[in-house]
Amino acid sequence: MFKLKKTVVVRKIGDDYILVPVGKSSKDYKGVFSLTPVAALIIDMLNIGAQKEELVNSVTNEFDIDETTALKDVEIFLERLSEIDLI
């Protein structure tokens, strides 16, 4: 199970989603992260503690892409979130 840390919050501004560091983490990140629609969906799912399989299924259903591509995209995004200590 993956869960987004409480050091960031998601905000929707118009049609755009951004990830905003809060509290002490705002000093570490010094800015916000702009999210693609796929990334925003994954973040929403992480907020409820989704498994990787659930993330892949949601991406394939929402964006009409094949499972192999969705799996690759999800794994890359999770790896990036892990590298910056957000999951």
C-alpha atoms as a PDB file:
ATOM      1  CA  MET A   1       0.000   0.000   0.000  1.00  0.00           C
ATOM      2  CA  PHE A   2       1.206   3.466  -0.875  1.00  0.00           C
ATOM      3  CA  LYS A   3       0.134   6.550   1.016  1.00  0.00           C
ATOM      4  CA  LEU A   4       0.975  10.174   0.325  1.00  0.00           C
ATOM      5  CA  LYS A   5       2.715  11.793   3.292  1.00  0.00           C
ATOM      6  CA  LYS A   6       0.946  14.609   5.105  1.00  0.00           C
ATOM      7  CA  THR A   7       3.756  17.013   4.159  1.00  0.00           C
ATOM      8  CA  VAL A   8       1.898  18.029   0.974  1.00  0.00           C
ATOM      9  CA  VAL A   9      -1.653  18.822  -0.065  1.00  0.00           C
ATOM     10  CA  VAL A  10      -3.289  18.836  -3.485  1.00  0.00           C
ATOM     11  CA  ARG A  11      -5.024  21.958  -4.714  1.00  0.00           C
ATOM     12  CA  LYS A  12      -7.102  22.383  -7.859  1.00  0.00           C
ATOM     13  CA  ILE A  13      -6.875  25.767  -9.541  1.00  0.00           C
ATOM     14  CA  GLY A  14      -9.139  25.917 -12.561  1.00  0.00           C
ATOM     15  CA  ASP A  15      -8.340  22.794 -14.543  1.00  0.00           C
ATOM     16  CA  ASP A  16      -4.863  22.455 -13.044  1.00  0.00           C
ATOM     17  CA  TYR A  17      -3.727  20.449 -10.046  1.00  0.00           C
ATOM     18  CA  ILE A  18      -0.763  21.377  -7.899  1.00  0.00           C
ATOM     19  CA  LEU A  19       0.966  19.655  -5.016  1.00  0.00           C
ATOM     20  CA  VAL A  20       1.782  22.149  -2.268  1.00  0.00           C
ATOM     21  CA  PRO A  21       4.280  21.480   0.526  1.00  0.00           C
ATOM     22  CA  VAL A  22       2.931  22.398   3.961  1.00  0.00           C
ATOM     23  CA  GLY A  23       4.517  22.993   7.344  1.00  0.00           C
ATOM     24  CA  LYS A  24       8.222  22.315   7.672  1.00  0.00           C
ATOM     25  CA  SER A  25       8.340  20.654   4.251  1.00  0.00           C
ATOM     26  CA  SER A  26       7.667  24.013   2.585  1.00  0.00           C
ATOM     27  CA  LYS A  27      11.222  25.000   3.535  1.00  0.00           C
ATOM     28  CA  ASP A  28      12.626  21.817   1.964  1.00  0.00           C
ATOM     29  CA  TYR A  29      10.801  21.993  -1.381  1.00  0.00           C
ATOM     30  CA  LYS A  30      10.645  25.779  -1.946  1.00  0.00           C
ATOM     31  CA  GLY A  31       7.793  25.708  -4.431  1.00  0.00           C
ATOM     32  CA  VAL A  32       4.865  23.716  -5.731  1.00  0.00           C
ATOM     33  CA  PHE A  33       4.608  20.751  -8.077  1.00  0.00           C
ATOM     34  CA  SER A  34       2.376  21.004 -11.142  1.00  0.00           C
ATOM     35  CA  LEU A  35       0.570  17.723 -11.830  1.00  0.00           C
ATOM     36  CA  THR A  36      -0.547  16.157 -15.083  1.00  0.00           C
ATOM     37  CA  PRO A  37      -4.069  14.703 -15.103  1.00  0.00           C
ATOM     38  CA  VAL A  38      -2.572  11.200 -14.700  1.00  0.00           C
ATOM     39  CA  ALA A  39      -0.425  12.340 -11.759  1.00  0.00           C
ATOM     40  CA  ALA A  40      -3.433  14.052 -10.140  1.00  0.00           C
ATOM     41  CA  LEU A  41      -5.442  10.817 -10.365  1.00  0.00           C
ATOM     42  CA  ILE A  42      -2.577   8.820  -8.846  1.00  0.00           C
ATOM     43  CA  ILE A  43      -2.215  11.360  -6.022  1.00  0.00           C
ATOM     44  CA  ASP A  44      -5.955  11.151  -5.302  1.00  0.00           C
ATOM     45  CA  MET A  45      -5.675   7.371  -5.110  1.00  0.00           C
ATOM     46  CA  LEU A  46      -2.600   7.591  -2.869  1.00  0.00           C
ATOM     47  CA  ASN A  47      -4.582   9.730  -0.442  1.00  0.00           C
ATOM     48  CA  ILE A  48      -6.802   6.718   0.207  1.00  0.00           C
ATOM     49  CA  GLY A  49      -3.896   4.279   0.426  1.00  0.00           C
ATOM     50  CA  ALA A  50      -4.262   2.535  -2.926  1.00  0.00           C
ATOM     51  CA  GLN A  51      -2.261  -0.498  -4.003  1.00  0.00           C
ATOM     52  CA  LYS A  52      -0.208  -0.364  -7.222  1.00  0.00           C
ATOM     53  CA  GLU A  53      -2.736  -2.574  -9.008  1.00  0.00           C
ATOM     54  CA  GLU A  54      -5.544  -0.176  -8.084  1.00  0.00           C
ATOM     55  CA  LEU A  55      -3.517   2.744  -9.410  1.00  0.00           C
ATOM     56  CA  VAL A  56      -2.891   0.975 -12.718  1.00  0.00           C
ATOM     57  CA  ASN A  57      -6.569   0.018 -13.067  1.00  0.00           C
ATOM     58  CA  SER A  58      -7.686   3.586 -12.391  1.00  0.00           C
ATOM     59  CA  VAL A  59      -5.252   5.003 -14.938  1.00  0.00           C
ATOM     60  CA  THR A  60      -6.262   2.501 -17.637  1.00  0.00           C
ATOM     61  CA  ASN A  61      -9.963   3.124 -17.037  1.00  0.00           C
ATOM     62  CA  GLU A  62      -9.761   6.910 -16.871  1.00  0.00           C
ATOM     63  CA  PHE A  63      -7.310   7.546 -19.710  1.00  0.00           C
ATOM     64  CA  ASP A  64      -7.965   4.659 -22.081  1.00  0.00           C
ATOM     65  CA  ILE A  65      -4.369   3.449 -22.249  1.00  0.00           C
ATOM     66  CA  ASP A  66      -3.079  -0.099 -22.190  1.00  0.00           C
ATOM     67  CA  GLU A  67      -2.095  -1.785 -18.942  1.00  0.00           C
ATOM     68  CA  THR A  68       1.618  -2.026 -19.833  1.00  0.00           C
ATOM     69  CA  THR A  69       1.889   1.715 -20.417  1.00  0.00           C
ATOM     70  CA  ALA A  70      -0.137   2.496 -17.302  1.00  0.00           C
ATOM     71  CA  LEU A  71       2.044   0.210 -15.178  1.00  0.00           C
ATOM     72  CA  LYS A  72       5.204   1.872 -16.474  1.00  0.00           C
ATOM     73  CA  ASP A  73       3.784   5.365 -15.834  1.00  0.00           C
ATOM     74  CA  VAL A  74       2.628   4.452 -12.328  1.00  0.00           C
ATOM     75  CA  GLU A  75       5.971   2.868 -11.414  1.00  0.00           C
ATOM     76  CA  ILE A  76       7.941   5.881 -12.665  1.00  0.00           C
ATOM     77  CA  PHE A  77       5.707   8.298 -10.768  1.00  0.00           C
ATOM     78  CA  LEU A  78       5.847   6.255  -7.547  1.00  0.00           C
ATOM     79  CA  GLU A  79       9.616   6.061  -7.840  1.00  0.00           C
ATOM     80  CA  ARG A  80       9.842   9.826  -8.228  1.00  0.00           C
ATOM     81  CA  LEU A  81       7.558  10.417  -5.232  1.00  0.00           C
ATOM     82  CA  SER A  82       9.705   8.033  -3.189  1.00  0.00           C
ATOM     83  CA  GLU A  83      12.912   9.801  -4.250  1.00  0.00           C
ATOM     84  CA  ILE A  84      11.587  13.117  -2.916  1.00  0.00           C
ATOM     85  CA  ASP A  85      10.208  11.429   0.207  1.00  0.00           C
ATOM     86  CA  LEU A  86       6.507  12.016  -0.438  1.00  0.00           C
ATOM     87  CA  ILE A  87       5.415   8.395  -0.038  1.00  0.00           C
END
